[in-house]
PDB file of N, CA and C in Angstrom:
ATOM      1  N   MET A   1      85.620  -6.970 111.360  1.00  0.00           N
ATOM      2  CA  MET A   1      85.900  -5.779 111.179  1.00  0.00           C
ATOM      3  C   MET A   1      86.858  -5.116 112.280  1.00  0.00           C
ATOM      4  N   ILE A   2      87.503  -4.180 112.065  1.00  0.00           N
ATOM      5  CA  ILE A   2      89.200  -3.698 112.560  1.00  0.00           C
ATOM      6  C   ILE A   2      89.171  -2.210 112.543  1.00  0.00           C
ATOM      7  N   ARG A   3      89.206  -2.118 113.769  1.00  0.00           N
ATOM      8  CA  ARG A   3      89.174  -0.677 113.985  1.00  0.00           C
ATOM      9  C   ARG A   3      90.450  -0.172 115.156  1.00  0.00           C
ATOM     10  N   VAL A   4      90.898   1.127 114.859  1.00  0.00           N
ATOM     11  CA  VAL A   4      92.066   1.266 115.499  1.00  0.00           C
ATOM     12  C   VAL A   4      91.917   1.721 117.246  1.00  0.00           C
ATOM     13  N   ASP A   5      92.329   1.078 117.853  1.00  0.00           N
ATOM     14  CA  ASP A   5      91.840   1.081 119.204  1.00  0.00           C
ATOM     15  C   ASP A   5      92.624   2.798 120.207  1.00  0.00           C
ATOM     16  N   HIS A   6      93.751   2.756 119.874  1.00  0.00           N
ATOM     17  CA  HIS A   6      94.691   3.734 120.509  1.00  0.00           C
ATOM     18  C   HIS A   6      96.334   3.088 119.667  1.00  0.00           C
ATOM     19  N   ILE A   7      97.169   4.540 119.974  1.00  0.00           N
ATOM     20  CA  ILE A   7      98.121   5.003 119.458  1.00  0.00           C
ATOM     21  C   ILE A   7      99.592   5.753 120.606  1.00  0.00           C
ATOM     22  N   GLY A   8     100.034   5.062 120.567  1.00  0.00           N
ATOM     23  CA  GLY A   8     101.297   5.448 120.851  1.00  0.00           C
ATOM     24  C   GLY A   8     102.170   6.154 121.396  1.00  0.00           C
ATOM     25  N   LEU A   9     102.791   7.556 121.652  1.00  0.00           N
ATOM     26  CA  LEU A   9     103.465   8.217 121.005  1.00  0.00           C
ATOM     27  C   LEU A   9     104.518   8.964 122.209  1.00  0.00           C
ATOM     28  N   PRO A  10     105.804   8.739 122.213  1.00  0.00           N
ATOM     29  CA  PRO A  10     106.714   8.760 123.043  1.00  0.00           C
ATOM     30  C   PRO A  10     106.498  10.584 123.271  1.00  0.00           C
ATOM     31  N   ALA A  11     106.728  10.866 124.518  1.00  0.00           N
ATOM     32  CA  ALA A  11     106.969  12.200 124.378  1.00  0.00           C
ATOM     33  C   ALA A  11     107.764  12.589 125.825  1.00  0.00           C
ATOM     34  N   ARG A  12     108.709  13.991 125.897  1.00  0.00           N
ATOM     35  CA  ARG A  12     109.600  13.828 127.202  1.00  0.00           C
ATOM     36  C   ARG A  12     108.453  13.685 128.061  1.00  0.00           C
ATOM     37  N   THR A  13     107.862  14.409 128.162  1.00  0.00           N
ATOM     38  CA  THR A  13     106.973  14.125 129.785  1.00  0.00           C
ATOM     39  C   THR A  13     105.294  13.944 129.579  1.00  0.00           C
ATOM     40  N   ARG A  14     105.159  12.593 129.721  1.00  0.00           N
ATOM     41  CA  ARG A  14     103.682  12.260 129.158  1.00  0.00           C
ATOM     42  C   ARG A  14     102.561  13.099 129.629  1.00  0.00           C
ATOM     43  N   LEU A  15     102.359  13.158 131.143  1.00  0.00           N
ATOM     44  CA  LEU A  15     101.049  14.037 131.606  1.00  0.00           C
ATOM     45  C   LEU A  15     101.507  15.740 130.730  1.00  0.00           C
ATOM     46  N   ASP A  16     102.324  16.055 130.312  1.00  0.00           N
ATOM     47  CA  ASP A  16     102.528  17.624 129.765  1.00  0.00           C
ATOM     48  C   ASP A  16     101.935  17.273 128.368  1.00  0.00           C
ATOM     49  N   ALA A  17     102.429  16.135 128.039  1.00  0.00           N
ATOM     50  CA  ALA A  17     101.766  15.901 126.915  1.00  0.00           C
ATOM     51  C   ALA A  17     100.144  15.818 126.366  1.00  0.00           C
ATOM     52  N   ALA A  18      99.880  15.187 127.100  1.00  0.00           N
ATOM     53  CA  ALA A  18      98.344  14.614 127.237  1.00  0.00           C
ATOM     54  C   ALA A  18      97.546  15.588 127.553  1.00  0.00           C
ATOM     55  N   ARG A  19      97.971  16.617 128.481  1.00  0.00           N
ATOM     56  CA  ARG A  19      97.581  18.408 128.653  1.00  0.00           C
ATOM     57  C   ARG A  19      97.334  18.951 127.961  1.00  0.00           C
ATOM     58  N   PHE A  20      98.344  19.128 127.110  1.00  0.00           N
ATOM     59  CA  PHE A  20      98.615  19.853 125.962  1.00  0.00           C
ATOM     60  C   PHE A  20      97.712  19.765 125.312  1.00  0.00           C
ATOM     61  N   LEU A  21      97.332  18.121 124.618  1.00  0.00           N
ATOM     62  CA  LEU A  21      96.539  18.031 123.432  1.00  0.00           C
ATOM     63  C   LEU A  21      94.923  18.104 123.761  1.00  0.00           C
ATOM     64  N   ALA A  22      94.717  17.487 125.543  1.00  0.00           N
ATOM     65  CA  ALA A  22      93.352  17.872 126.537  1.00  0.00           C
ATOM     66  C   ALA A  22      93.102  19.328 126.241  1.00  0.00           C
ATOM     67  N   GLY A  23      93.655  19.838 126.130  1.00  0.00           N
ATOM     68  CA  GLY A  23      93.015  21.537 126.558  1.00  0.00           C
ATOM     69  C   GLY A  23      93.355  22.028 125.239  1.00  0.00           C
ATOM     70  N   LEU A  24      93.967  21.510 123.739  1.00  0.00           N
ATOM     71  CA  LEU A  24      93.769  21.948 122.718  1.00  0.00           C
ATOM     72  C   LEU A  24      92.437  21.651 122.323  1.00  0.00           C
ATOM     73  N   LEU A  25      92.317  20.289 122.036  1.00  0.00           N
ATOM     74  CA  LEU A  25      90.570  19.221 121.733  1.00  0.00           C
ATOM     75  C   LEU A  25      89.273  19.549 122.950  1.00  0.00           C
ATOM     76  N   ASP A  26      89.388  20.472 124.028  1.00  0.00           N
ATOM     77  CA  ASP A  26      88.825  20.282 124.952  1.00  0.00           C
ATOM     78  C   ASP A  26      88.049  19.437 125.408  1.00  0.00           C
ATOM     79  N   LEU A  27      89.070  18.451 125.849  1.00  0.00           N
ATOM     80  CA  LEU A  27      89.118  17.348 127.037  1.00  0.00           C
ATOM     81  C   LEU A  27      89.066  17.605 128.156  1.00  0.00           C
ATOM     82  N   ASP A  28      88.033  16.707 128.905  1.00  0.00           N
ATOM     83  CA  ASP A  28      88.230  16.897 130.142  1.00  0.00           C
ATOM     84  C   ASP A  28      89.579  16.428 131.312  1.00  0.00           C
ATOM     85  N   LEU A  29      90.275  17.172 131.853  1.00  0.00           N
ATOM     86  CA  LEU A  29      91.721  16.431 132.046  1.00  0.00           C
ATOM     87  C   LEU A  29      91.270  15.266 133.191  1.00  0.00           C
ATOM     88  N   ASP A  30      90.536  15.756 133.964  1.00  0.00           N
ATOM     89  CA  ASP A  30      90.172  14.769 134.955  1.00  0.00           C
ATOM     90  C   ASP A  30      89.824  13.170 134.547  1.00  0.00           C
ATOM     91  N   ARG A  31      88.120  13.542 133.722  1.00  0.00           N
ATOM     92  CA  ARG A  31      88.449  12.362 133.294  1.00  0.00           C
ATOM     93  C   ARG A  31      88.689  11.843 132.005  1.00  0.00           C
ATOM     94  N   ASP A  32      89.473  12.534 131.290  1.00  0.00           N
ATOM     95  CA  ASP A  32      89.862  12.042 129.636  1.00  0.00           C
ATOM     96  C   ASP A  32      91.088  11.372 130.130  1.00  0.00           C
ATOM     97  N   ILE A  33      91.907  11.969 130.887  1.00  0.00           N
ATOM     98  CA  ILE A  33      93.366  11.828 131.169  1.00  0.00           C
ATOM     99  C   ILE A  33      93.517  10.792 132.306  1.00  0.00           C
ATOM    100  N   ALA A  34      94.416   9.244 131.924  1.00  0.00           N
ATOM    101  CA  ALA A  34      94.225   8.364 132.969  1.00  0.00           C
ATOM    102  C   ALA A  34      95.892   8.340 132.596  1.00  0.00           C
ATOM    103  N   ASP A  35      96.851   8.031 134.159  1.00  0.00           N
ATOM    104  CA  ASP A  35      98.062   7.879 134.296  1.00  0.00           C
ATOM    105  C   ASP A  35      98.762   7.436 135.077  1.00  0.00           C
ATOM    106  N   ASP A  36      99.359   5.947 134.741  1.00  0.00           N
ATOM    107  CA  ASP A  36      98.791   4.741 135.949  1.00  0.00           C
ATOM    108  C   ASP A  36     100.332   4.666 136.323  1.00  0.00           C
ATOM    109  N   GLY A  37     101.541   5.882 136.166  1.00  0.00           N
ATOM    110  CA  GLY A  37     102.900   5.854 135.713  1.00  0.00           C
ATOM    111  C   GLY A  37     103.808   5.502 135.366  1.00  0.00           C
ATOM    112  N   ARG A  38     102.964   5.059 134.072  1.00  0.00           N
ATOM    113  CA  ARG A  38     104.298   4.740 133.208  1.00  0.00           C
ATOM    114  C   ARG A  38     103.712   5.091 131.593  1.00  0.00           C
ATOM    115  N   PHE A  39     101.860   5.632 131.921  1.00  0.00           N
ATOM    116  CA  PHE A  39     101.593   5.810 130.333  1.00  0.00           C
ATOM    117  C   PHE A  39     100.132   6.757 130.701  1.00  0.00           C
ATOM    118  N   ALA A  40     100.397   8.114 130.290  1.00  0.00           N
ATOM    119  CA  ALA A  40      99.155   9.038 130.170  1.00  0.00           C
ATOM    120  C   ALA A  40      98.509   8.746 129.063  1.00  0.00           C
ATOM    121  N   SER A  41      97.090   8.155 129.161  1.00  0.00           N
ATOM    122  CA  SER A  41      96.206   7.655 128.620  1.00  0.00           C
ATOM    123  C   SER A  41      95.236   9.178 128.020  1.00  0.00           C
ATOM    124  N   LEU A  42      94.986   9.716 126.572  1.00  0.00           N
ATOM    125  CA  LEU A  42      93.847  10.886 126.354  1.00  0.00           C
ATOM    126  C   LEU A  42      92.832  10.168 125.732  1.00  0.00           C
ATOM    127  N   LYS A  43      91.701  10.007 126.262  1.00  0.00           N
ATOM    128  CA  LYS A  43      90.368   9.192 125.916  1.00  0.00           C
ATOM    129  C   LYS A  43      89.782  10.271 124.490  1.00  0.00           C
ATOM    130  N   VAL A  44      90.518  10.511 123.371  1.00  0.00           N
ATOM    131  CA  VAL A  44      89.917  11.245 122.343  1.00  0.00           C
ATOM    132  C   VAL A  44      88.018  10.990 121.834  1.00  0.00           C
ATOM    133  N   SER A  45      88.280   9.695 122.052  1.00  0.00           N
ATOM    134  CA  SER A  45      86.213   9.918 121.500  1.00  0.00           C
ATOM    135  C   SER A  45      86.143   7.908 122.384  1.00  0.00           C
ATOM    136  N   PRO A  46      85.656   7.598 122.263  1.00  0.00           N
ATOM    137  CA  PRO A  46      84.978   6.415 122.684  1.00  0.00           C
ATOM    138  C   PRO A  46      85.542   5.520 122.624  1.00  0.00           C
ATOM    139  N   GLU A  47      85.998   5.938 121.493  1.00  0.00           N
ATOM    140  CA  GLU A  47      86.737   4.675 120.448  1.00  0.00           C
ATOM    141  C   GLU A  47      88.250   4.971 120.326  1.00  0.00           C
ATOM    142  N   PHE A  48      88.888   5.721 120.785  1.00  0.00           N
ATOM    143  CA  PHE A  48      90.335   5.948 120.458  1.00  0.00           C
ATOM    144  C   PHE A  48      90.889   7.070 121.404  1.00  0.00           C
ATOM    145  N   THR A  49      92.018   6.332 121.542  1.00  0.00           N
ATOM    146  CA  THR A  49      92.738   6.498 122.751  1.00  0.00           C
ATOM    147  C   THR A  49      94.157   7.289 122.260  1.00  0.00           C
ATOM    148  N   ILE A  50      94.854   8.451 122.814  1.00  0.00           N
ATOM    149  CA  ILE A  50      95.961   8.377 122.398  1.00  0.00           C
ATOM    150  C   ILE A  50      97.243   8.206 123.634  1.00  0.00           C
ATOM    151  N   VAL A  51      97.904   7.016 123.880  1.00  0.00           N
ATOM    152  CA  VAL A  51      98.803   6.825 125.157  1.00  0.00           C
ATOM    153  C   VAL A  51     100.352   7.761 125.031  1.00  0.00           C
ATOM    154  N   PHE A  52     100.451   8.649 125.948  1.00  0.00           N
ATOM    155  CA  PHE A  52     101.791   9.101 125.987  1.00  0.00           C
ATOM    156  C   PHE A  52     102.788   8.499 126.771  1.00  0.00           C
ATOM    157  N   TYR A  53     104.089   8.404 126.753  1.00  0.00           N
ATOM    158  CA  TYR A  53     104.674   7.404 127.513  1.00  0.00           C
ATOM    159  C   TYR A  53     106.077   8.710 127.641  1.00  0.00           C
ATOM    160  N   ASP A  54     106.601   8.660 128.619  1.00  0.00           N
ATOM    161  CA  ASP A  54     107.968   8.964 128.713  1.00  0.00           C
ATOM    162  C   ASP A  54     108.739   8.216 127.651  1.00  0.00           C
ATOM    163  N   PHE A  55     109.657   9.346 127.455  1.00  0.00           N
ATOM    164  CA  PHE A  55     110.403   8.899 125.951  1.00  0.00           C
ATOM    165  C   PHE A  55     111.848   9.712 125.872  1.00  0.00           C
ATOM    166  N   GLU A  56     112.809   9.631 125.845  1.00  0.00           N
ATOM    167  CA  GLU A  56     114.643  10.367 125.489  1.00  0.00           C
ATOM    168  C   GLU A  56     114.160  10.884 124.291  1.00  0.00           C
ATOM    169  N   GLN A  57     113.919  10.230 123.489  1.00  0.00           N
ATOM    170  CA  GLN A  57     114.810  10.098 122.014  1.00  0.00           C
ATOM    171  C   GLN A  57     113.415  10.428 121.300  1.00  0.00           C
ATOM    172  N   ILE A  58     113.009  11.391 120.853  1.00  0.00           N
ATOM    173  CA  ILE A  58     111.114  11.261 120.062  1.00  0.00           C
ATOM    174  C   ILE A  58     111.361  11.299 118.147  1.00  0.00           C
ATOM    175  N   GLN A  59     110.917  10.351 117.681  1.00  0.00           N
ATOM    176  CA  GLN A  59     110.744  10.427 116.492  1.00  0.00           C
ATOM    177  C   GLN A  59     109.233  11.001 116.024  1.00  0.00           C
ATOM    178  N   PRO A  60     108.962  12.049 115.532  1.00  0.00           N
ATOM    179  CA  PRO A  60     107.976  12.007 115.289  1.00  0.00           C
ATOM    180  C   PRO A  60     106.620  11.791 114.340  1.00  0.00           C
ATOM    181  N   THR A  61     105.953  11.763 115.166  1.00  0.00           N
ATOM    182  CA  THR A  61     104.619  11.159 114.345  1.00  0.00           C
ATOM    183  C   THR A  61     103.527  12.133 113.819  1.00  0.00           C
ATOM    184  N   HIS A  62     102.536  11.551 112.750  1.00  0.00           N
ATOM    185  CA  HIS A  62     101.399  12.369 112.257  1.00  0.00           C
ATOM    186  C   HIS A  62     100.394  11.638 112.691  1.00  0.00           C
ATOM    187  N   VAL A  63      99.483  12.437 113.329  1.00  0.00           N
ATOM    188  CA  VAL A  63      98.131  12.051 113.319  1.00  0.00           C
ATOM    189  C   VAL A  63      97.254  12.952 113.009  1.00  0.00           C
ATOM    190  N   ALA A  64      96.233  12.287 111.936  1.00  0.00           N
ATOM    191  CA  ALA A  64      95.570  13.223 112.287  1.00  0.00           C
ATOM    192  C   ALA A  64      93.770  12.864 112.240  1.00  0.00           C
ATOM    193  N   PHE A  65      93.368  13.896 112.449  1.00  0.00           N
ATOM    194  CA  PHE A  65      91.324  13.636 113.066  1.00  0.00           C
ATOM    195  C   PHE A  65      91.112  14.538 111.699  1.00  0.00           C
ATOM    196  N   ARG A  66      89.310  14.202 111.876  1.00  0.00           N
ATOM    197  CA  ARG A  66      88.438  14.490 111.300  1.00  0.00           C
ATOM    198  C   ARG A  66      87.105  15.040 112.019  1.00  0.00           C
ATOM    199  N   VAL A  67      87.116  16.385 111.844  1.00  0.00           N
ATOM    200  CA  VAL A  67      86.220  16.924 113.067  1.00  0.00           C
ATOM    201  C   VAL A  67      85.205  17.539 112.380  1.00  0.00           C
ATOM    202  N   ASP A  68      83.522  18.018 113.094  1.00  0.00           N
ATOM    203  CA  ASP A  68      82.615  18.773 112.127  1.00  0.00           C
ATOM    204  C   ASP A  68      83.217  20.099 112.301  1.00  0.00           C
ATOM    205  N   ASP A  69      82.528  21.351 111.618  1.00  0.00           N
ATOM    206  CA  ASP A  69      83.085  22.370 111.428  1.00  0.00           C
ATOM    207  C   ASP A  69      82.880  23.144 112.901  1.00  0.00           C
ATOM    208  N   ALA A  70      81.624  22.773 113.178  1.00  0.00           N
ATOM    209  CA  ALA A  70      81.489  23.210 114.887  1.00  0.00           C
ATOM    210  C   ALA A  70      82.933  23.309 116.241  1.00  0.00           C
ATOM    211  N   THR A  71      83.213  21.781 115.948  1.00  0.00           N
ATOM    212  CA  THR A  71      84.741  21.150 116.134  1.00  0.00           C
ATOM    213  C   THR A  71      85.798  22.135 116.008  1.00  0.00           C
ATOM    214  N   PHE A  72      86.188  22.035 114.523  1.00  0.00           N
ATOM    215  CA  PHE A  72      86.832  22.713 114.311  1.00  0.00           C
ATOM    216  C   PHE A  72      87.080  24.147 114.162  1.00  0.00           C
ATOM    217  N   ASP A  73      85.935  24.862 114.550  1.00  0.00           N
ATOM    218  CA  ASP A  73      86.036  25.647 114.813  1.00  0.00           C
ATOM    219  C   ASP A  73      86.735  26.864 116.097  1.00  0.00           C
ATOM    220  N   ALA A  74      86.085  25.771 117.099  1.00  0.00           N
ATOM    221  CA  ALA A  74      86.503  25.878 118.553  1.00  0.00           C
ATOM    222  C   ALA A  74      88.005  25.290 118.605  1.00  0.00           C
ATOM    223  N   ILE A  75      88.253  24.849 117.832  1.00  0.00           N
ATOM    224  CA  ILE A  75      89.679  23.774 118.491  1.00  0.00           C
ATOM    225  C   ILE A  75      91.036  25.087 117.895  1.00  0.00           C
ATOM    226  N   LEU A  76      90.340  26.352 116.646  1.00  0.00           N
ATOM    227  CA  LEU A  76      91.622  27.043 115.987  1.00  0.00           C
ATOM    228  C   LEU A  76      91.119  28.413 117.170  1.00  0.00           C
ATOM    229  N   LYS A  77      89.720  28.512 117.319  1.00  0.00           N
ATOM    230  CA  LYS A  77      89.780  29.859 118.361  1.00  0.00           C
ATOM    231  C   LYS A  77      90.751  29.719 119.879  1.00  0.00           C
ATOM    232  N   ARG A  78      90.273  27.882 120.260  1.00  0.00           N
ATOM    233  CA  ARG A  78      91.603  27.437 121.497  1.00  0.00           C
ATOM    234  C   ARG A  78      93.174  27.837 120.734  1.00  0.00           C
ATOM    235  N   MET A  79      93.585  27.624 119.946  1.00  0.00           N
ATOM    236  CA  MET A  79      94.870  27.648 119.239  1.00  0.00           C
ATOM    237  C   MET A  79      95.597  29.317 118.854  1.00  0.00           C
ATOM    238  N   GLN A  80      94.164  29.851 118.637  1.00  0.00           N
ATOM    239  CA  GLN A  80      94.789  31.634 118.573  1.00  0.00           C
ATOM    240  C   GLN A  80      94.937  32.077 119.552  1.00  0.00           C
ATOM    241  N   SER A  81      93.942  31.434 120.528  1.00  0.00           N
ATOM    242  CA  SER A  81      93.986  32.111 122.377  1.00  0.00           C
ATOM    243  C   SER A  81      95.185  32.089 122.802  1.00  0.00           C
ATOM    244  N   GLN A  82      95.894  30.663 123.119  1.00  0.00           N
ATOM    245  CA  GLN A  82      96.976  30.134 123.684  1.00  0.00           C
ATOM    246  C   GLN A  82      98.640  30.320 122.940  1.00  0.00           C
ATOM    247  N   GLY A  83      98.417  31.012 121.270  1.00  0.00           N
ATOM    248  CA  GLY A  83      99.228  31.264 120.558  1.00  0.00           C
ATOM    249  C   GLY A  83     100.050  30.001 120.255  1.00  0.00           C
ATOM    250  N   VAL A  84      99.293  28.984 119.910  1.00  0.00           N
ATOM    251  CA  VAL A  84      99.851  27.627 119.382  1.00  0.00           C
ATOM    252  C   VAL A  84      99.456  27.875 117.691  1.00  0.00           C
ATOM    253  N   GLY A  85     100.885  27.852 117.407  1.00  0.00           N
ATOM    254  CA  GLY A  85     101.134  28.112 115.990  1.00  0.00           C
ATOM    255  C   GLY A  85     100.516  27.219 114.985  1.00  0.00           C
ATOM    256  N   TYR A  86      99.502  27.157 113.799  1.00  0.00           N
ATOM    257  CA  TYR A  86      99.214  25.983 112.933  1.00  0.00           C
ATOM    258  C   TYR A  86      99.134  27.034 111.557  1.00  0.00           C
ATOM    259  N   GLY A  87      99.354  25.719 110.458  1.00  0.00           N
ATOM    260  CA  GLY A  87      98.713  26.234 109.039  1.00  0.00           C
ATOM    261  C   GLY A  87      98.363  25.450 108.262  1.00  0.00           C
ATOM    262  N   SER A  88      98.915  25.713 107.109  1.00  0.00           N
ATOM    263  CA  SER A  88      97.964  24.419 105.809  1.00  0.00           C
ATOM    264  C   SER A  88      98.340  23.241 105.203  1.00  0.00           C
ATOM    265  N   GLN A  89     100.003  23.498 105.734  1.00  0.00           N
ATOM    266  CA  GLN A  89     100.834  22.791 104.878  1.00  0.00           C
ATOM    267  C   GLN A  89     101.840  22.014 105.690  1.00  0.00           C
ATOM    268  N   PRO A  90     101.943  20.416 105.992  1.00  0.00           N
ATOM    269  CA  PRO A  90     102.432  20.009 106.779  1.00  0.00           C
ATOM    270  C   PRO A  90     104.332  20.366 106.668  1.00  0.00           C
ATOM    271  N   ASN A  91     104.633  20.797 106.196  1.00  0.00           N
ATOM    272  CA  ASN A  91     105.739  21.311 105.555  1.00  0.00           C
ATOM    273  C   ASN A  91     105.917  22.695 105.936  1.00  0.00           C
ATOM    274  N   ASP A  92     104.967  23.058 106.299  1.00  0.00           N
ATOM    275  CA  ASP A  92     104.791  24.377 106.684  1.00  0.00           C
ATOM    276  C   ASP A  92     103.731  24.802 107.971  1.00  0.00           C
ATOM    277  N   PRO A  93     103.948  23.852 108.985  1.00  0.00           N
ATOM    278  CA  PRO A  93     102.719  24.355 109.930  1.00  0.00           C
ATOM    279  C   PRO A  93     102.473  25.092 110.801  1.00  0.00           C
ATOM    280  N   ALA A  94     102.943  26.241 110.520  1.00  0.00           N
ATOM    281  CA  ALA A  94     103.254  27.929 111.259  1.00  0.00           C
ATOM    282  C   ALA A  94     102.738  29.129 110.350  1.00  0.00           C
ATOM    283  N   ASN A  95     101.935  28.470 108.694  1.00  0.00           N
ATOM    284  CA  ASN A  95     101.483  29.903 108.569  1.00  0.00           C
ATOM    285  C   ASN A  95     100.033  30.816 108.622  1.00  0.00           C
ATOM    286  N   GLY A  96      99.691  30.017 109.834  1.00  0.00           N
ATOM    287  CA  GLY A  96      98.588  30.795 110.147  1.00  0.00           C
ATOM    288  C   GLY A  96      97.271  30.788 109.312  1.00  0.00           C
ATOM    289  N   ARG A  97      97.328  29.913 108.222  1.00  0.00           N
ATOM    290  CA  ARG A  97      96.487  29.671 107.015  1.00  0.00           C
ATOM    291  C   ARG A  97      95.500  28.313 107.693  1.00  0.00           C
ATOM    292  N   THR A  98      93.910  28.208 106.204  1.00  0.00           N
ATOM    293  CA  THR A  98      93.695  26.980 106.990  1.00  0.00           C
ATOM    294  C   THR A  98      93.081  26.090 105.878  1.00  0.00           C
ATOM    295  N   ASP A  99      93.819  26.359 104.509  1.00  0.00           N
ATOM    296  CA  ASP A  99      93.343  26.309 103.192  1.00  0.00           C
ATOM    297  C   ASP A  99      94.350  24.933 103.148  1.00  0.00           C
ATOM    298  N   HIS A 100      93.348  23.888 103.381  1.00  0.00           N
ATOM    299  CA  HIS A 100      93.643  22.648 103.741  1.00  0.00           C
ATOM    300  C   HIS A 100      94.090  21.287 102.167  1.00  0.00           C
ATOM    301  N   PRO A 101      94.843  20.850 101.615  1.00  0.00           N
ATOM    302  CA  PRO A 101      95.508  20.531 100.489  1.00  0.00           C
ATOM    303  C   PRO A 101      94.539  19.433 100.056  1.00  0.00           C
ATOM    304  N   LEU A 102      93.928  18.407 101.358  1.00  0.00           N
ATOM    305  CA  LEU A 102      92.805  17.441 101.219  1.00  0.00           C
ATOM    306  C   LEU A 102      90.690  18.325 102.237  1.00  0.00           C
ATOM    307  N   SER A 103      91.189  19.038 102.536  1.00  0.00           N
ATOM    308  CA  SER A 103      89.762  19.223 103.149  1.00  0.00           C
ATOM    309  C   SER A 103      89.160  20.756 102.824  1.00  0.00           C
ATOM    310  N   GLU A 104      87.988  20.959 102.602  1.00  0.00           N
ATOM    311  CA  GLU A 104      87.949  22.423 102.683  1.00  0.00           C
ATOM    312  C   GLU A 104      88.785  23.088 103.624  1.00  0.00           C
ATOM    313  N   ARG A 105      88.197  22.879 105.117  1.00  0.00           N
ATOM    314  CA  ARG A 105      88.932  23.763 105.834  1.00  0.00           C
ATOM    315  C   ARG A 105      89.889  22.520 106.558  1.00  0.00           C
ATOM    316  N   GLY A 106      91.234  22.753 106.727  1.00  0.00           N
ATOM    317  CA  GLY A 106      92.026  22.150 107.821  1.00  0.00           C
ATOM    318  C   GLY A 106      93.185  22.488 108.015  1.00  0.00           C
ATOM    319  N   LEU A 107      93.999  22.409 109.238  1.00  0.00           N
ATOM    320  CA  LEU A 107      95.177  22.809 109.775  1.00  0.00           C
ATOM    321  C   LEU A 107      96.049  21.190 110.167  1.00  0.00           C
ATOM    322  N   PHE A 108      97.324  22.208 110.174  1.00  0.00           N
ATOM    323  CA  PHE A 108      98.030  21.048 110.911  1.00  0.00           C
ATOM    324  C   PHE A 108      98.733  21.946 112.200  1.00  0.00           C
ATOM    325  N   PHE A 109      99.550  21.272 112.723  1.00  0.00           N
ATOM    326  CA  PHE A 109     100.273  21.998 114.212  1.00  0.00           C
ATOM    327  C   PHE A 109     100.794  20.915 114.660  1.00  0.00           C
ATOM    328  N   ARG A 110     102.097  21.488 115.803  1.00  0.00           N
ATOM    329  CA  ARG A 110     103.221  20.561 115.893  1.00  0.00           C
ATOM    330  C   ARG A 110     102.823  20.003 117.617  1.00  0.00           C
ATOM    331  N   MET A 111     102.951  19.582 118.327  1.00  0.00           N
ATOM    332  CA  MET A 111     103.085  19.508 119.702  1.00  0.00           C
ATOM    333  C   MET A 111     104.349  19.691 119.807  1.00  0.00           C
ATOM    334  N   PRO A 112     104.103  20.398 121.646  1.00  0.00           N
ATOM    335  CA  PRO A 112     105.963  20.364 121.390  1.00  0.00           C
ATOM    336  C   PRO A 112     107.079  19.452 121.679  1.00  0.00           C
ATOM    337  N   ASP A 113     106.467  18.347 121.817  1.00  0.00           N
ATOM    338  CA  ASP A 113     107.550  17.035 121.120  1.00  0.00           C
ATOM    339  C   ASP A 113     107.855  16.784 120.270  1.00  0.00           C
ATOM    340  N   GLY A 114     107.270  17.381 118.657  1.00  0.00           N
ATOM    341  CA  GLY A 114     107.259  16.940 117.713  1.00  0.00           C
ATOM    342  C   GLY A 114     106.467  16.710 116.499  1.00  0.00           C
ATOM    343  N   HIS A 115     105.855  15.813 117.457  1.00  0.00           N
ATOM    344  CA  HIS A 115     104.899  15.267 116.802  1.00  0.00           C
ATOM    345  C   HIS A 115     103.421  15.825 116.129  1.00  0.00           C
ATOM    346  N   LEU A 116     103.587  16.230 114.297  1.00  0.00           N
ATOM    347  CA  LEU A 116     102.105  16.760 113.570  1.00  0.00           C
ATOM    348  C   LEU A 116     101.146  16.282 113.867  1.00  0.00           C
ATOM    349  N   PHE A 117     100.064  16.847 114.354  1.00  0.00           N
ATOM    350  CA  PHE A 117      98.899  16.483 114.392  1.00  0.00           C
ATOM    351  C   PHE A 117      98.051  17.715 112.907  1.00  0.00           C
ATOM    352  N   GLU A 118      97.029  16.701 112.351  1.00  0.00           N
ATOM    353  CA  GLU A 118      95.835  17.394 111.492  1.00  0.00           C
ATOM    354  C   GLU A 118      94.709  17.433 111.908  1.00  0.00           C
ATOM    355  N   LEU A 119      94.045  18.358 111.751  1.00  0.00           N
ATOM    356  CA  LEU A 119      92.524  18.741 112.136  1.00  0.00           C
ATOM    357  C   LEU A 119      91.840  18.469 110.708  1.00  0.00           C
ATOM    358  N   MET A 120      91.045  18.486 110.018  1.00  0.00           N
ATOM    359  CA  MET A 120      90.404  18.614 108.382  1.00  0.00           C
ATOM    360  C   MET A 120      88.633  18.614 108.462  1.00  0.00           C
ATOM    361  N   ALA A 121      88.478  19.583 108.299  1.00  0.00           N
ATOM    362  CA  ALA A 121      86.733  19.729 108.553  1.00  0.00           C
ATOM    363  C   ALA A 121      85.892  19.090 107.631  1.00  0.00           C
ATOM    364  N   SER A 122      85.405  18.684 108.172  1.00  0.00           N
ATOM    365  CA  SER A 122      84.009  18.388 107.143  1.00  0.00           C
ATOM    366  C   SER A 122      82.487  18.810 107.650  1.00  0.00           C
ATOM    367  N   SER A 123      82.093  19.371 106.670  1.00  0.00           N
ATOM    368  CA  SER A 123      80.986  20.637 106.288  1.00  0.00           C
ATOM    369  C   SER A 123      79.907  19.309 106.522  1.00  0.00           C
ATOM    370  N   SER A 124      80.222  17.878 105.565  1.00  0.00           N
ATOM    371  CA  SER A 124      79.140  17.592 105.706  1.00  0.00           C
ATOM    372  C   SER A 124      78.473  16.902 106.834  1.00  0.00           C
ATOM    373  N   GLY A 125      79.243  17.292 108.306  1.00  0.00           N
ATOM    374  CA  GLY A 125      78.338  16.787 109.310  1.00  0.00           C
ATOM    375  C   GLY A 125      78.901  15.649 109.991  1.00  0.00           C
ATOM    376  N   GLU A 126      79.508  14.441 108.881  1.00  0.00           N
ATOM    377  CA  GLU A 126      80.421  13.215 109.404  1.00  0.00           C
ATOM    378  C   GLU A 126      81.532  13.538 109.679  1.00  0.00           C
ATOM    379  N   ALA A 127      81.972  13.485 111.133  1.00  0.00           N
ATOM    380  CA  ALA A 127      83.333  13.700 111.754  1.00  0.00           C
ATOM    381  C   ALA A 127      84.169  12.596 111.666  1.00  0.00           C
TER     382      ALA A 127
END
């Protein structure tokens, strides 16, 4: 069996990046972020962690999540209330649309450091 445990992403400021994403995904800052002085680890789920580390030159990365409909709706509302741009296409992640090419509903958004995140809603209930 093989499963992804974590992914490392460069950030100008590791804690800012972890807090930004935690706020959108409604994760608990005290419980879900651990910082050891070199890495800010954001526990996205029991099986998956994003580890942000400080780095000056950032090569943007793409990370995609499949979420259930209720989670998608809640994240979309937080994005709208916080003024975070989102869009239906990877080359246009700020068009304000959710008509995703691979899912009934989905969106892309960029982190302040340039990383492209993708959310795909799963109406089947399987996220």
